[in-house]
Amino acid sequence: MFLLQILKDNETRAQYDYAIEHPSEVFYNTAQYYRAKYGHKSDPRAVLIGLLVVLSAFQYLNNVARYNEALATVKRTPAYKNRLKALELERTGGLSSKKKGPKQIDQKLQEELSNELDLQIKGAEKPSVWDLLGVRFVLLPYTIIKLLVWYSSWIWRYKVKKAPYSFEDASYLTRRSLGVPLDAWTNLDEYKKEDLVQRRLWEKQNLENYYAEMRKESKRRR
């Protein structure tokens, strides 16, 4: 039965023929035999998919735990409690509802305020399936194509045609030059953004002048 399996498989048949032609190589032929009979035969693609699924599941659970911990920390801060009180006064006009007790009102307002604070938790963003390792791996070809299209468009617009930078692209260059994360740049005051963009900080000399001004300003405040 095992001999029929050998004859059906090209690899094991070649190993069998080699053993017949080289009977003196006992140890080598024995190792090849056991590898063919007991060797791992799992499909590498199935192993890769399973590994990605497991890692993505652990990643998502970890992200959920981090987010819930960060949200609980925010809710214990005085700033959160003050905003909750301000929101309660704004919604109720400073008066409590006669039909609902204070605890019920606070709970409802707390849920509304929690939804508002979701976008303000730094370092622990709300979990999303789009951030999972498995999803990113599947979308990798699309991401690469999108990046190539964006880069080609950038080269054509600003290197070949010499067009002026749009505000969005100038903001990207400014943010990259300063090393500012996207979420921090998004929360920056609009007037501050416009001032930084107008300085053209992606140019080396302008950036050096800006840092020199910041150092002078820092010394003056001391």
N, C-alpha and C. Protein backbone atom coordinates (compact mmCIF):
# COMPACT_ATOMS: atom_id res chain seq x y z
N MET A 1 0.84 -1.21 0.00
CA MET A 1 0.00 0.00 0.00
C MET A 1 0.87 1.25 0.00
N PHE A 2 1.89 1.24 0.89
CA PHE A 2 2.77 2.40 0.95
C PHE A 2 3.58 2.55 -0.33
N LEU A 3 3.92 1.37 -0.95
CA LEU A 3 4.67 1.42 -2.20
C LEU A 3 3.83 2.05 -3.30
N LEU A 4 2.52 1.80 -3.31
CA LEU A 4 1.65 2.42 -4.31
C LEU A 4 1.59 3.93 -4.11
N GLN A 5 1.58 4.39 -2.85
CA GLN A 5 1.59 5.82 -2.57
C GLN A 5 2.88 6.47 -3.05
N ILE A 6 3.98 5.75 -2.91
CA ILE A 6 5.27 6.26 -3.37
C ILE A 6 5.27 6.44 -4.88
N LEU A 7 4.75 5.42 -5.59
CA LEU A 7 4.76 5.46 -7.05
C LEU A 7 3.83 6.53 -7.60
N LYS A 8 2.83 6.94 -6.82
CA LYS A 8 1.90 7.97 -7.28
C LYS A 8 2.46 9.37 -7.09
N ASP A 9 3.38 9.54 -6.16
CA ASP A 9 3.95 10.85 -5.84
C ASP A 9 5.32 10.98 -6.48
N ASN A 10 5.54 12.04 -7.28
CA ASN A 10 6.79 12.21 -8.01
C ASN A 10 7.99 12.36 -7.09
N GLU A 11 7.81 13.14 -6.01
CA GLU A 11 8.93 13.39 -5.11
C GLU A 11 9.36 12.12 -4.39
N THR A 12 8.37 11.43 -3.80
CA THR A 12 8.71 10.21 -3.06
C THR A 12 9.18 9.10 -4.00
N ARG A 13 8.68 9.09 -5.23
CA ARG A 13 9.14 8.09 -6.20
C ARG A 13 10.62 8.32 -6.54
N ALA A 14 11.00 9.62 -6.66
CA ALA A 14 12.41 9.93 -6.94
C ALA A 14 13.28 9.51 -5.77
N GLN A 15 12.80 9.70 -4.56
CA GLN A 15 13.55 9.28 -3.38
C GLN A 15 13.68 7.75 -3.32
N TYR A 16 12.61 7.07 -3.73
CA TYR A 16 12.62 5.60 -3.75
C TYR A 16 13.64 5.10 -4.77
N ASP A 17 13.63 5.70 -5.96
CA ASP A 17 14.59 5.30 -7.00
C ASP A 17 16.02 5.54 -6.54
N TYR A 18 16.24 6.68 -5.84
CA TYR A 18 17.57 6.99 -5.34
C TYR A 18 18.02 5.95 -4.32
N ALA A 19 17.09 5.51 -3.46
CA ALA A 19 17.43 4.51 -2.45
C ALA A 19 17.79 3.17 -3.09
N ILE A 20 17.10 2.83 -4.18
CA ILE A 20 17.39 1.58 -4.88
C ILE A 20 18.78 1.63 -5.52
N GLU A 21 19.11 2.81 -6.08
CA GLU A 21 20.39 2.95 -6.76
C GLU A 21 21.56 3.14 -5.79
N HIS A 22 21.29 3.62 -4.56
CA HIS A 22 22.35 3.86 -3.58
C HIS A 22 22.00 3.16 -2.26
N PRO A 23 22.02 1.86 -2.23
CA PRO A 23 21.64 1.12 -1.01
C PRO A 23 22.61 1.34 0.15
N SER A 24 23.83 1.80 -0.14
CA SER A 24 24.82 1.98 0.92
C SER A 24 24.53 3.20 1.80
N GLU A 25 23.76 4.16 1.27
CA GLU A 25 23.45 5.38 2.03
C GLU A 25 22.23 5.13 2.92
N VAL A 26 22.44 4.30 3.91
CA VAL A 26 21.33 3.84 4.74
C VAL A 26 20.72 4.98 5.55
N PHE A 27 21.55 5.78 6.20
CA PHE A 27 21.03 6.84 7.07
C PHE A 27 20.26 7.89 6.27
N TYR A 28 20.82 8.27 5.13
CA TYR A 28 20.15 9.27 4.29
C TYR A 28 18.81 8.74 3.79
N ASN A 29 18.78 7.51 3.30
CA ASN A 29 17.56 6.92 2.77
C ASN A 29 16.50 6.75 3.87
N THR A 30 16.97 6.39 5.08
CA THR A 30 16.03 6.23 6.21
C THR A 30 15.39 7.56 6.58
N ALA A 31 16.22 8.63 6.60
CA ALA A 31 15.70 9.97 6.92
C ALA A 31 14.69 10.41 5.87
N GLN A 32 14.96 10.16 4.61
CA GLN A 32 14.04 10.53 3.55
C GLN A 32 12.72 9.77 3.67
N TYR A 33 12.82 8.51 4.09
CA TYR A 33 11.62 7.69 4.26
C TYR A 33 10.70 8.25 5.34
N TYR A 34 11.30 8.54 6.50
CA TYR A 34 10.49 9.05 7.61
C TYR A 34 9.96 10.46 7.32
N ARG A 35 10.72 11.23 6.60
CA ARG A 35 10.23 12.56 6.23
C ARG A 35 9.05 12.47 5.29
N ALA A 36 9.10 11.54 4.35
CA ALA A 36 7.99 11.36 3.40
C ALA A 36 6.75 10.81 4.08
N LYS A 37 6.94 9.93 5.09
CA LYS A 37 5.79 9.30 5.74
C LYS A 37 5.18 10.14 6.84
N TYR A 38 6.04 10.81 7.62
CA TYR A 38 5.56 11.53 8.79
C TYR A 38 5.75 13.04 8.69
N GLY A 39 6.28 13.48 7.58
CA GLY A 39 6.56 14.90 7.43
C GLY A 39 5.29 15.74 7.46
N HIS A 40 5.48 17.03 7.79
CA HIS A 40 4.35 17.95 7.86
C HIS A 40 3.82 18.25 6.47
N LYS A 41 2.52 18.03 6.25
CA LYS A 41 1.93 18.20 4.93
C LYS A 41 0.85 19.28 4.88
N SER A 42 0.86 20.18 5.83
CA SER A 42 -0.13 21.25 5.86
C SER A 42 0.14 22.25 4.73
N ASP A 43 -0.95 22.78 4.19
CA ASP A 43 -0.84 23.78 3.14
C ASP A 43 -0.31 25.08 3.75
N PRO A 44 0.82 25.62 3.27
CA PRO A 44 1.37 26.87 3.83
C PRO A 44 0.38 28.02 3.79
N ARG A 45 -0.48 28.05 2.76
CA ARG A 45 -1.47 29.11 2.67
C ARG A 45 -2.48 29.02 3.81
N ALA A 46 -2.89 27.79 4.13
CA ALA A 46 -3.83 27.61 5.24
C ALA A 46 -3.19 27.99 6.56
N VAL A 47 -1.90 27.65 6.72
CA VAL A 47 -1.19 28.01 7.94
C VAL A 47 -1.09 29.53 8.07
N LEU A 48 -0.79 30.21 6.96
CA LEU A 48 -0.67 31.67 6.98
C LEU A 48 -2.01 32.32 7.32
N ILE A 49 -3.09 31.84 6.71
CA ILE A 49 -4.41 32.39 6.99
C ILE A 49 -4.79 32.18 8.45
N GLY A 50 -4.53 30.97 8.96
CA GLY A 50 -4.84 30.70 10.36
C GLY A 50 -4.05 31.57 11.31
N LEU A 51 -2.78 31.78 10.99
CA LEU A 51 -1.93 32.63 11.82
C LEU A 51 -2.43 34.07 11.82
N LEU A 52 -2.82 34.58 10.65
CA LEU A 52 -3.34 35.94 10.56
C LEU A 52 -4.64 36.11 11.33
N VAL A 53 -5.50 35.10 11.27
CA VAL A 53 -6.77 35.16 11.99
C VAL A 53 -6.53 35.20 13.50
N VAL A 54 -5.63 34.34 13.98
CA VAL A 54 -5.34 34.29 15.42
C VAL A 54 -4.71 35.60 15.89
N LEU A 55 -3.72 36.09 15.15
CA LEU A 55 -3.06 37.34 15.53
C LEU A 55 -4.03 38.52 15.49
N SER A 56 -4.90 38.54 14.49
CA SER A 56 -5.88 39.63 14.39
C SER A 56 -6.86 39.59 15.56
N ALA A 57 -7.26 38.38 15.96
CA ALA A 57 -8.18 38.25 17.10
C ALA A 57 -7.53 38.78 18.38
N PHE A 58 -6.28 38.38 18.63
CA PHE A 58 -5.57 38.87 19.81
C PHE A 58 -5.37 40.39 19.73
N GLN A 59 -5.06 40.89 18.55
CA GLN A 59 -4.87 42.32 18.37
C GLN A 59 -6.14 43.08 18.68
N TYR A 60 -7.28 42.59 18.19
CA TYR A 60 -8.55 43.29 18.42
C TYR A 60 -8.91 43.28 19.91
N LEU A 61 -8.75 42.13 20.56
CA LEU A 61 -9.06 42.05 21.99
C LEU A 61 -8.16 42.98 22.80
N ASN A 62 -6.89 43.06 22.41
CA ASN A 62 -5.96 43.96 23.10
C ASN A 62 -6.35 45.42 22.89
N ASN A 63 -6.76 45.76 21.67
CA ASN A 63 -7.18 47.14 21.38
C ASN A 63 -8.43 47.51 22.16
N VAL A 64 -9.37 46.58 22.25
CA VAL A 64 -10.60 46.83 23.01
C VAL A 64 -10.28 47.05 24.49
N ALA A 65 -9.39 46.21 25.04
CA ALA A 65 -9.02 46.35 26.45
C ALA A 65 -8.33 47.68 26.71
N ARG A 66 -7.41 48.07 25.81
CA ARG A 66 -6.71 49.36 25.98
C ARG A 66 -7.67 50.53 25.89
N TYR A 67 -8.60 50.44 24.94
CA TYR A 67 -9.55 51.54 24.75
C TYR A 67 -10.47 51.68 25.97
N ASN A 68 -10.98 50.57 26.46
CA ASN A 68 -11.87 50.61 27.63
C ASN A 68 -11.14 51.15 28.86
N GLU A 69 -9.86 50.76 28.99
CA GLU A 69 -9.07 51.26 30.12
C GLU A 69 -8.84 52.76 30.01
N ALA A 70 -8.53 53.22 28.79
CA ALA A 70 -8.32 54.65 28.59
C ALA A 70 -9.60 55.44 28.81
N LEU A 71 -10.72 54.89 28.35
CA LEU A 71 -12.00 55.57 28.52
C LEU A 71 -12.37 55.66 30.00
N ALA A 72 -12.11 54.58 30.74
CA ALA A 72 -12.39 54.60 32.18
C ALA A 72 -11.52 55.63 32.89
N THR A 73 -10.27 55.76 32.44
CA THR A 73 -9.36 56.75 33.04
C THR A 73 -9.85 58.16 32.78
N VAL A 74 -10.31 58.42 31.55
CA VAL A 74 -10.83 59.74 31.20
C VAL A 74 -12.03 60.09 32.06
N LYS A 75 -12.90 59.13 32.30
CA LYS A 75 -14.12 59.39 33.06
C LYS A 75 -13.85 59.70 34.53
N ARG A 76 -12.64 59.36 35.00
CA ARG A 76 -12.30 59.65 36.40
C ARG A 76 -11.62 61.00 36.56
N THR A 77 -11.34 61.68 35.48
CA THR A 77 -10.63 62.96 35.58
C THR A 77 -11.58 64.09 35.96
N PRO A 78 -11.09 65.12 36.66
CA PRO A 78 -11.93 66.27 37.01
C PRO A 78 -12.46 66.99 35.77
N ALA A 79 -11.67 67.04 34.71
CA ALA A 79 -12.10 67.72 33.50
C ALA A 79 -13.35 67.05 32.92
N TYR A 80 -13.38 65.73 32.94
CA TYR A 80 -14.55 65.01 32.44
C TYR A 80 -15.77 65.31 33.31
N LYS A 81 -15.59 65.28 34.61
CA LYS A 81 -16.72 65.52 35.52
C LYS A 81 -17.24 66.95 35.39
N ASN A 82 -16.33 67.90 35.17
CA ASN A 82 -16.77 69.29 34.98
C ASN A 82 -17.56 69.44 33.69
N ARG A 83 -17.11 68.79 32.63
CA ARG A 83 -17.85 68.86 31.37
C ARG A 83 -19.20 68.17 31.49
N LEU A 84 -19.26 67.12 32.29
CA LEU A 84 -20.52 66.42 32.50
C LEU A 84 -21.51 67.33 33.22
N LYS A 85 -21.03 68.06 34.22
CA LYS A 85 -21.90 68.98 34.94
C LYS A 85 -22.37 70.12 34.04
N ALA A 86 -21.44 70.63 33.22
CA ALA A 86 -21.80 71.71 32.30
C ALA A 86 -22.83 71.25 31.29
N LEU A 87 -22.68 70.03 30.79
CA LEU A 87 -23.63 69.49 29.83
C LEU A 87 -24.99 69.28 30.47
N GLU A 88 -25.00 68.83 31.72
CA GLU A 88 -26.26 68.63 32.44
C GLU A 88 -26.99 69.95 32.64
N LEU A 89 -26.25 71.00 33.02
CA LEU A 89 -26.86 72.31 33.20
C LEU A 89 -27.38 72.86 31.88
N GLU A 90 -26.65 72.59 30.80
CA GLU A 90 -27.07 73.08 29.48
C GLU A 90 -28.35 72.38 29.02
N ARG A 91 -28.44 71.08 29.26
CA ARG A 91 -29.60 70.33 28.78
C ARG A 91 -30.83 70.54 29.65
N THR A 92 -30.62 70.69 30.95
CA THR A 92 -31.76 70.79 31.87
C THR A 92 -32.08 72.23 32.24
N GLY A 93 -31.23 73.17 31.85
CA GLY A 93 -31.46 74.56 32.23
C GLY A 93 -31.26 74.80 33.71
N GLY A 94 -30.49 73.91 34.33
CA GLY A 94 -30.22 74.05 35.77
C GLY A 94 -31.29 73.43 36.64
N LEU A 95 -32.30 72.79 36.01
CA LEU A 95 -33.40 72.17 36.76
C LEU A 95 -33.41 70.68 36.52
N SER A 96 -33.71 69.90 37.52
CA SER A 96 -33.80 68.45 37.38
C SER A 96 -35.19 68.08 36.91
N SER A 97 -35.26 67.00 36.13
CA SER A 97 -36.55 66.52 35.64
C SER A 97 -37.34 65.91 36.79
N LYS A 98 -38.64 66.16 36.81
CA LYS A 98 -39.49 65.61 37.88
C LYS A 98 -39.78 64.14 37.65
N LYS A 99 -39.78 63.72 36.39
CA LYS A 99 -40.12 62.34 36.08
C LYS A 99 -38.94 61.40 36.30
N LYS A 100 -37.70 61.91 36.11
CA LYS A 100 -36.52 61.08 36.24
C LYS A 100 -35.66 61.59 37.39
N GLY A 101 -35.10 60.65 38.09
CA GLY A 101 -34.23 61.03 39.18
C GLY A 101 -32.90 61.55 38.68
N PRO A 102 -32.12 62.18 39.57
CA PRO A 102 -30.82 62.73 39.20
C PRO A 102 -29.86 61.69 38.65
N LYS A 103 -29.91 60.46 39.21
CA LYS A 103 -29.00 59.41 38.74
C LYS A 103 -29.30 59.02 37.30
N GLN A 104 -30.62 58.95 36.96
CA GLN A 104 -30.99 58.60 35.59
C GLN A 104 -30.55 59.67 34.61
N ILE A 105 -30.70 60.92 35.00
CA ILE A 105 -30.29 62.02 34.14
C ILE A 105 -28.78 61.99 33.93
N ASP A 106 -28.05 61.81 35.04
CA ASP A 106 -26.61 61.77 34.94
C ASP A 106 -26.14 60.64 34.04
N GLN A 107 -26.79 59.48 34.13
CA GLN A 107 -26.39 58.33 33.32
C GLN A 107 -26.61 58.61 31.84
N LYS A 108 -27.73 59.22 31.50
CA LYS A 108 -28.01 59.53 30.10
C LYS A 108 -27.03 60.55 29.56
N LEU A 109 -26.78 61.61 30.32
CA LEU A 109 -25.83 62.64 29.89
C LEU A 109 -24.41 62.09 29.82
N GLN A 110 -24.09 61.18 30.72
CA GLN A 110 -22.76 60.59 30.72
C GLN A 110 -22.53 59.76 29.44
N GLU A 111 -23.55 59.06 28.98
CA GLU A 111 -23.43 58.30 27.75
C GLU A 111 -23.23 59.22 26.55
N GLU A 112 -23.97 60.34 26.52
CA GLU A 112 -23.82 61.30 25.42
C GLU A 112 -22.43 61.92 25.43
N LEU A 113 -21.93 62.26 26.62
CA LEU A 113 -20.61 62.86 26.72
C LEU A 113 -19.52 61.85 26.37
N SER A 114 -19.72 60.59 26.71
CA SER A 114 -18.75 59.55 26.37
C SER A 114 -18.59 59.44 24.87
N ASN A 115 -19.69 59.53 24.14
CA ASN A 115 -19.62 59.48 22.68
C ASN A 115 -18.84 60.67 22.13
N GLU A 116 -18.97 61.81 22.81
CA GLU A 116 -18.26 63.01 22.38
C GLU A 116 -16.77 62.88 22.67
N LEU A 117 -16.41 62.18 23.75
CA LEU A 117 -15.01 62.04 24.14
C LEU A 117 -14.29 60.94 23.40
N ASP A 118 -15.00 60.11 22.64
CA ASP A 118 -14.36 59.01 21.94
C ASP A 118 -13.24 59.48 21.03
N LEU A 119 -13.41 60.64 20.39
CA LEU A 119 -12.43 61.14 19.43
C LEU A 119 -11.29 61.87 20.10
N GLN A 120 -11.32 61.97 21.42
CA GLN A 120 -10.32 62.77 22.12
C GLN A 120 -9.41 61.94 23.00
N ILE A 121 -9.43 60.64 22.86
CA ILE A 121 -8.58 59.76 23.65
C ILE A 121 -7.32 59.49 22.87
N LYS A 122 -6.21 60.08 23.27
CA LYS A 122 -4.95 59.95 22.56
C LYS A 122 -4.25 58.66 22.98
N GLY A 123 -3.67 57.97 22.01
CA GLY A 123 -2.92 56.76 22.29
C GLY A 123 -3.76 55.52 22.44
N ALA A 124 -5.07 55.65 22.40
CA ALA A 124 -5.96 54.49 22.49
C ALA A 124 -7.22 54.77 21.69
N GLU A 125 -7.05 54.76 20.37
CA GLU A 125 -8.18 55.06 19.49
C GLU A 125 -9.20 53.93 19.53
N LYS A 126 -10.43 54.26 19.17
CA LYS A 126 -11.50 53.28 19.19
C LYS A 126 -11.16 52.12 18.24
N PRO A 127 -11.27 50.87 18.71
CA PRO A 127 -10.90 49.72 17.88
C PRO A 127 -11.66 49.69 16.56
N SER A 128 -10.95 49.34 15.50
CA SER A 128 -11.53 49.27 14.17
C SER A 128 -10.97 48.04 13.45
N VAL A 129 -11.83 47.35 12.71
CA VAL A 129 -11.38 46.15 11.98
C VAL A 129 -10.39 46.52 10.88
N TRP A 130 -10.43 47.77 10.42
CA TRP A 130 -9.53 48.19 9.34
C TRP A 130 -8.09 48.27 9.81
N ASP A 131 -7.87 48.30 11.12
CA ASP A 131 -6.52 48.38 11.65
C ASP A 131 -5.92 47.01 11.96
N LEU A 132 -6.70 45.96 11.79
CA LEU A 132 -6.22 44.62 12.13
C LEU A 132 -5.18 44.14 11.12
N LEU A 133 -4.25 43.34 11.62
CA LEU A 133 -3.16 42.84 10.79
C LEU A 133 -3.67 42.04 9.60
N GLY A 134 -4.67 41.18 9.83
CA GLY A 134 -5.19 40.36 8.75
C GLY A 134 -5.85 41.19 7.65
N VAL A 135 -6.61 42.20 8.05
CA VAL A 135 -7.28 43.07 7.07
C VAL A 135 -6.25 43.86 6.28
N ARG A 136 -5.24 44.37 6.97
CA ARG A 136 -4.21 45.13 6.27
C ARG A 136 -3.43 44.26 5.29
N PHE A 137 -3.22 43.00 5.66
CA PHE A 137 -2.51 42.09 4.76
C PHE A 137 -3.33 41.82 3.50
N VAL A 138 -4.64 41.62 3.68
CA VAL A 138 -5.51 41.39 2.52
C VAL A 138 -5.55 42.61 1.62
N LEU A 139 -5.58 43.79 2.23
CA LEU A 139 -5.67 45.04 1.47
C LEU A 139 -4.31 45.57 1.02
N LEU A 140 -3.24 44.82 1.28
CA LEU A 140 -1.90 45.29 0.95
C LEU A 140 -1.74 45.64 -0.54
N PRO A 141 -2.20 44.79 -1.48
CA PRO A 141 -2.08 45.17 -2.90
C PRO A 141 -2.79 46.48 -3.22
N TYR A 142 -3.99 46.67 -2.66
CA TYR A 142 -4.73 47.91 -2.90
C TYR A 142 -3.98 49.10 -2.32
N THR A 143 -3.40 48.91 -1.13
CA THR A 143 -2.66 49.99 -0.48
C THR A 143 -1.43 50.39 -1.30
N ILE A 144 -0.74 49.39 -1.83
CA ILE A 144 0.46 49.67 -2.63
C ILE A 144 0.08 50.41 -3.90
N ILE A 145 -0.99 49.96 -4.57
CA ILE A 145 -1.43 50.61 -5.81
C ILE A 145 -1.85 52.05 -5.53
N LYS A 146 -2.59 52.24 -4.44
CA LYS A 146 -3.03 53.58 -4.06
C LYS A 146 -1.85 54.49 -3.79
N LEU A 147 -0.82 53.96 -3.11
CA LEU A 147 0.37 54.74 -2.80
C LEU A 147 1.12 55.11 -4.08
N LEU A 148 1.22 54.17 -5.02
CA LEU A 148 1.91 54.45 -6.28
C LEU A 148 1.18 55.51 -7.10
N VAL A 149 -0.17 55.42 -7.10
CA VAL A 149 -0.97 56.41 -7.83
C VAL A 149 -0.78 57.79 -7.21
N TRP A 150 -0.81 57.85 -5.87
CA TRP A 150 -0.63 59.13 -5.17
C TRP A 150 0.76 59.70 -5.45
N TYR A 151 1.78 58.87 -5.40
CA TYR A 151 3.15 59.34 -5.62
C TYR A 151 3.34 59.82 -7.06
N SER A 152 2.77 59.07 -8.01
CA SER A 152 2.87 59.48 -9.42
C SER A 152 2.18 60.81 -9.66
N SER A 153 1.00 60.96 -9.04
CA SER A 153 0.27 62.21 -9.17
C SER A 153 1.05 63.37 -8.57
N TRP A 154 1.71 63.14 -7.44
CA TRP A 154 2.52 64.16 -6.77
C TRP A 154 3.68 64.59 -7.67
N ILE A 155 4.37 63.61 -8.23
CA ILE A 155 5.51 63.91 -9.11
C ILE A 155 5.06 64.71 -10.33
N TRP A 156 3.95 64.28 -10.93
CA TRP A 156 3.47 64.96 -12.13
C TRP A 156 3.03 66.39 -11.83
N ARG A 157 2.33 66.58 -10.70
CA ARG A 157 1.77 67.89 -10.39
C ARG A 157 2.82 68.89 -9.92
N TYR A 158 3.72 68.43 -9.03
CA TYR A 158 4.62 69.38 -8.38
C TYR A 158 6.06 69.34 -8.91
N LYS A 159 6.47 68.23 -9.50
CA LYS A 159 7.82 68.16 -10.04
C LYS A 159 7.88 68.47 -11.53
N VAL A 160 6.87 67.96 -12.28
CA VAL A 160 6.87 68.16 -13.72
C VAL A 160 6.18 69.47 -14.09
N LYS A 161 4.95 69.64 -13.63
CA LYS A 161 4.17 70.83 -13.99
C LYS A 161 4.52 72.04 -13.12
N LYS A 162 5.25 71.81 -12.02
CA LYS A 162 5.67 72.90 -11.12
C LYS A 162 4.48 73.70 -10.58
N ALA A 163 3.38 73.04 -10.33
CA ALA A 163 2.19 73.70 -9.81
C ALA A 163 2.40 74.06 -8.34
N PRO A 164 1.74 75.11 -7.84
CA PRO A 164 1.85 75.47 -6.41
C PRO A 164 1.15 74.41 -5.56
N TYR A 165 1.66 74.22 -4.34
CA TYR A 165 1.08 73.22 -3.45
C TYR A 165 -0.33 73.64 -3.03
N SER A 166 -1.23 72.69 -3.02
CA SER A 166 -2.55 72.93 -2.45
C SER A 166 -2.38 73.03 -0.93
N PHE A 167 -3.39 73.59 -0.25
CA PHE A 167 -3.28 73.76 1.20
C PHE A 167 -3.17 72.40 1.88
N GLU A 168 -3.90 71.42 1.38
CA GLU A 168 -3.84 70.08 1.98
C GLU A 168 -2.46 69.47 1.84
N ASP A 169 -1.86 69.57 0.65
CA ASP A 169 -0.53 68.99 0.44
C ASP A 169 0.54 69.80 1.18
N ALA A 170 0.37 71.12 1.23
CA ALA A 170 1.30 71.95 1.99
C ALA A 170 1.21 71.62 3.48
N SER A 171 0.02 71.32 3.95
CA SER A 171 -0.16 70.92 5.35
C SER A 171 0.56 69.61 5.63
N TYR A 172 0.47 68.69 4.67
CA TYR A 172 1.16 67.40 4.81
C TYR A 172 2.68 67.61 4.91
N LEU A 173 3.23 68.46 4.02
CA LEU A 173 4.67 68.73 4.05
C LEU A 173 5.08 69.41 5.35
N THR A 174 4.24 70.34 5.83
CA THR A 174 4.54 71.04 7.09
C THR A 174 4.53 70.08 8.26
N ARG A 175 3.49 69.26 8.30
CA ARG A 175 3.36 68.28 9.40
C ARG A 175 4.54 67.30 9.40
N ARG A 176 4.94 66.87 8.22
CA ARG A 176 6.06 65.92 8.13
C ARG A 176 7.37 66.58 8.54
N SER A 177 7.56 67.84 8.16
CA SER A 177 8.79 68.56 8.51
C SER A 177 8.91 68.76 10.01
N LEU A 178 7.78 69.03 10.66
CA LEU A 178 7.77 69.27 12.11
C LEU A 178 7.69 67.98 12.92
N GLY A 179 7.37 66.87 12.24
CA GLY A 179 7.22 65.61 12.96
C GLY A 179 5.99 65.57 13.84
N VAL A 180 4.92 66.23 13.40
CA VAL A 180 3.69 66.30 14.19
C VAL A 180 2.76 65.16 13.76
N PRO A 181 2.24 64.35 14.70
CA PRO A 181 1.30 63.29 14.35
C PRO A 181 0.02 63.86 13.73
N LEU A 182 -0.67 63.04 12.95
CA LEU A 182 -1.86 63.50 12.25
C LEU A 182 -2.95 63.95 13.21
N ASP A 183 -3.17 63.20 14.30
CA ASP A 183 -4.24 63.59 15.23
C ASP A 183 -3.93 64.92 15.92
N ALA A 184 -2.64 65.15 16.24
CA ALA A 184 -2.25 66.42 16.86
C ALA A 184 -2.43 67.58 15.88
N TRP A 185 -2.10 67.35 14.62
CA TRP A 185 -2.27 68.40 13.61
C TRP A 185 -3.74 68.70 13.40
N THR A 186 -4.58 67.67 13.41
CA THR A 186 -6.02 67.85 13.22
C THR A 186 -6.62 68.72 14.31
N ASN A 187 -6.15 68.54 15.54
CA ASN A 187 -6.69 69.30 16.67
C ASN A 187 -6.05 70.67 16.84
N LEU A 188 -5.12 71.01 15.96
CA LEU A 188 -4.45 72.30 16.05
C LEU A 188 -5.37 73.42 15.59
N ASP A 189 -5.20 74.60 16.17
CA ASP A 189 -6.01 75.76 15.80
C ASP A 189 -5.80 76.09 14.32
N GLU A 190 -6.88 76.45 13.63
CA GLU A 190 -6.82 76.69 12.19
C GLU A 190 -5.89 77.85 11.85
N TYR A 191 -5.89 78.89 12.67
CA TYR A 191 -5.00 80.03 12.43
C TYR A 191 -3.54 79.61 12.58
N LYS A 192 -3.27 78.74 13.54
CA LYS A 192 -1.92 78.24 13.75
C LYS A 192 -1.48 77.40 12.55
N LYS A 193 -2.39 76.58 12.05
CA LYS A 193 -2.08 75.76 10.87
C LYS A 193 -1.72 76.65 9.69
N GLU A 194 -2.56 77.65 9.45
CA GLU A 194 -2.34 78.54 8.30
C GLU A 194 -1.01 79.27 8.43
N ASP A 195 -0.67 79.70 9.64
CA ASP A 195 0.59 80.40 9.86
C ASP A 195 1.78 79.48 9.57
N LEU A 196 1.70 78.24 10.04
CA LEU A 196 2.79 77.29 9.81
C LEU A 196 2.94 76.95 8.34
N VAL A 197 1.81 76.79 7.65
CA VAL A 197 1.86 76.46 6.22
C VAL A 197 2.48 77.60 5.42
N GLN A 198 2.11 78.83 5.77
CA GLN A 198 2.64 79.99 5.05
C GLN A 198 4.15 80.18 5.25
N ARG A 199 4.69 79.60 6.31
CA ARG A 199 6.13 79.70 6.56
C ARG A 199 6.94 78.78 5.64
N ARG A 200 6.28 77.84 4.95
CA ARG A 200 6.95 76.91 4.03
C ARG A 200 8.08 76.17 4.76
N LEU A 201 7.70 75.51 5.84
CA LEU A 201 8.70 74.87 6.69
C LEU A 201 9.31 73.62 6.07
N TRP A 202 8.79 73.15 4.95
CA TRP A 202 9.41 72.00 4.27
C TRP A 202 10.72 72.40 3.60
N GLU A 203 10.97 73.70 3.50
CA GLU A 203 12.25 74.18 3.01
C GLU A 203 13.22 74.31 4.19
N LYS A 204 14.42 73.78 4.03
CA LYS A 204 15.36 73.63 5.13
C LYS A 204 15.65 74.94 5.86
N GLN A 205 15.91 75.99 5.12
CA GLN A 205 16.26 77.26 5.73
C GLN A 205 15.10 77.83 6.55
N ASN A 206 13.90 77.73 6.00
CA ASN A 206 12.72 78.21 6.73
C ASN A 206 12.51 77.43 8.02
N LEU A 207 12.75 76.14 7.97
CA LEU A 207 12.58 75.31 9.16
C LEU A 207 13.60 75.68 10.22
N GLU A 208 14.85 75.90 9.81
CA GLU A 208 15.89 76.30 10.77
C GLU A 208 15.57 77.65 11.40
N ASN A 209 15.07 78.58 10.59
CA ASN A 209 14.68 79.90 11.12
C ASN A 209 13.54 79.77 12.13
N TYR A 210 12.60 78.88 11.84
CA TYR A 210 11.46 78.69 12.74
C TYR A 210 11.92 78.14 14.08
N TYR A 211 12.80 77.13 14.04
CA TYR A 211 13.31 76.56 15.29
C TYR A 211 14.12 77.60 16.08
N ALA A 212 14.84 78.45 15.36
CA ALA A 212 15.60 79.51 16.04
C ALA A 212 14.65 80.48 16.74
N GLU A 213 13.54 80.82 16.10
CA GLU A 213 12.54 81.70 16.72
C GLU A 213 11.94 81.05 17.95
N MET A 214 11.67 79.75 17.86
CA MET A 214 11.09 79.04 19.00
C MET A 214 12.05 79.02 20.19
N ARG A 215 13.36 78.86 19.91
CA ARG A 215 14.34 78.85 21.00
C ARG A 215 14.44 80.22 21.66
N LYS A 216 14.42 81.28 20.84
CA LYS A 216 14.45 82.63 21.39
C LYS A 216 13.21 82.91 22.24
N GLU A 217 12.06 82.48 21.75
CA GLU A 217 10.82 82.69 22.48
C GLU A 217 10.82 81.94 23.80
N SER A 218 11.39 80.74 23.77
CA SER A 218 11.47 79.94 25.01
C SER A 218 12.37 80.59 26.03
N LYS A 219 13.52 81.15 25.59
CA LYS A 219 14.44 81.83 26.51
C LYS A 219 13.81 83.10 27.07
N ARG A 220 13.04 83.79 26.24
CA ARG A 220 12.42 85.05 26.68
C ARG A 220 11.39 84.81 27.77
N ARG A 221 10.71 83.66 27.72
CA ARG A 221 9.66 83.38 28.70
C ARG A 221 10.23 82.91 30.04
N ARG A 222 11.49 82.52 30.06
CA ARG A 222 12.09 82.03 31.32
C ARG A 222 12.37 83.16 32.30
